[in-house]
Structures are given as structure tokens and as C-alpha cells.
């Protein structure tokens, strides 16, 4: 085998090795990005769930306040008309 053929084969081997290193690096980067995306998605879902629960609680409290105010208005009208409970 001549020196030129040897060098060409060696260069080919080095190029192939470097390409494999780049591919492995790209795979690692892609996996890392995937992991970070999954983590962010999980946090976003958890925050959305908490927000939904907080909104439901706020609406429940608001509904109760409105119902109590309406009942107070009804009682006031009944008392004005003399239809209220005698205490």
C-alpha cells in the first residue's frame, strides 16, 4: 500500500469519526432540549391546574356573596311590605 493510499484511508477514518462525534453531540443537544421542553410543559400544566382551582374558588365565593346580597334585598322588601318574619 502506498503512502498516499494510507493517508487517504486515515483521513477518511478521521472524518468519519468526527462526523460520528458531531452526530452524538447533536443527539445529546436534542435530548437535552426535549427534556427541558417536557419539564417546562409539566410546570405549565401544574400552574394551569392551580389557576383553574383558584378561579373556581373565587367564583364560588363571589356566587355566595351575590346570593347573600340578593337574599338580604328580598328580606328588606318583605320587611318593608310587612311580609317579613316577626322576631
Protein backbone atom coordinates (compact mmCIF):
# COMPACT_ATOMS: atom_id res chain seq x y z
CA UNK A 1 0.00 0.00 0.00
CA UNK A 2 1.39 3.38 -0.92
CA UNK A 3 1.77 6.26 1.45
CA UNK A 4 -0.93 8.23 -0.42
CA UNK A 5 -3.47 5.44 -0.07
CA UNK A 6 -2.62 5.10 3.61
CA UNK A 7 -3.08 8.84 4.21
CA UNK A 8 -6.35 8.85 2.29
CA UNK A 9 -7.65 5.95 4.37
CA UNK A 10 -6.51 7.60 7.58
CA UNK A 11 -8.18 10.89 6.61
CA UNK A 12 -11.38 9.05 5.74
CA UNK A 13 -11.34 7.34 9.14
CA UNK A 14 -10.75 10.62 10.96
CA UNK A 15 -13.53 12.32 9.00
CA UNK A 16 -15.94 9.51 9.78
CA UNK A 17 -15.01 9.62 13.47
CA UNK A 18 -15.54 13.38 13.58
CA UNK A 19 -18.92 13.04 11.85
CA UNK A 20 -19.99 10.44 14.41
CA UNK A 21 -18.90 12.76 17.24
CA UNK A 22 -20.99 15.59 15.74
CA UNK A 23 -23.98 13.28 15.38
CA UNK A 24 -23.63 12.15 19.00
CA UNK A 25 -23.33 15.77 20.10
CA UNK A 26 -26.43 16.73 18.12
CA UNK A 27 -28.35 13.81 19.65
CA UNK A 28 -27.30 14.93 23.12
CA UNK A 29 -28.36 18.50 22.40
CA UNK A 30 -31.71 17.36 21.03
CA UNK A 31 -32.32 15.13 24.05
CA UNK A 32 -31.44 17.96 26.40
CA UNK A 33 -33.83 20.32 24.59
CA UNK A 34 -36.54 17.64 24.71
CA UNK A 35 -36.05 17.17 28.46
CA UNK A 36 -36.21 20.92 29.14
CA UNK A 37 -39.34 21.22 27.00
CA UNK A 38 -41.03 18.38 28.89
CA UNK A 39 -40.11 19.97 32.22
CA UNK A 40 -41.49 23.33 31.10
CA UNK A 41 -44.68 21.69 29.87
CA UNK A 42 -45.13 19.93 33.20
CA UNK A 43 -44.70 23.18 35.11
CA UNK A 44 -47.13 24.95 32.78
CA UNK A 45 -49.76 22.24 33.26
CA UNK A 46 -49.36 22.40 37.04
CA UNK A 47 -49.72 26.21 37.01
CA UNK A 48 -52.80 25.97 34.80
CA UNK A 49 -54.37 23.48 37.21
CA UNK A 50 -53.65 25.74 40.20
CA UNK A 51 -55.07 28.75 38.34
CA UNK A 52 -58.20 26.82 37.44
CA UNK A 53 -58.70 25.77 41.07
CA UNK A 54 -58.15 29.33 42.30
CA UNK A 55 -60.64 30.67 39.74
CA UNK A 56 -63.23 28.11 40.77
CA UNK A 57 -62.80 29.11 44.42
CA UNK A 58 -63.10 32.80 43.57
CA UNK A 59 -66.24 32.21 41.53
CA UNK A 60 -67.74 30.12 44.33
CA UNK A 61 -67.12 32.88 46.87
CA UNK A 62 -68.47 35.55 44.53
CA UNK A 63 -71.61 33.50 43.86
CA UNK A 64 -72.20 33.06 47.59
CA UNK A 65 -71.81 36.81 48.18
CA UNK A 66 -74.25 37.64 45.39
CA UNK A 67 -76.77 35.09 46.72
CA UNK A 68 -76.47 36.54 50.23
CA UNK A 69 -76.92 40.10 48.94
CA UNK A 70 -79.99 39.03 46.94
CA UNK A 71 -81.47 37.30 49.98
CA UNK A 72 -80.84 40.45 52.00
CA UNK A 73 -82.64 42.52 49.36
CA UNK A 74 -85.59 40.08 49.37
CA UNK A 75 -85.78 40.23 53.17
CA UNK A 76 -85.65 44.03 53.05
CA UNK A 77 -88.54 44.19 50.59
CA UNK A 78 -90.56 41.72 52.66
CA UNK A 79 -89.97 43.75 55.82
CA UNK A 80 -90.96 46.94 54.00
CA UNK A 81 -94.19 45.33 52.83
CA UNK A 82 -94.85 43.79 56.24
CA UNK A 83 -94.35 40.26 54.99
CA UNK A 84 -91.10 39.61 56.83
CA UNK A 85 -90.62 37.27 59.75
CA UNK A 86 -91.65 38.68 63.09
CA UNK A 87 -88.80 38.35 65.56
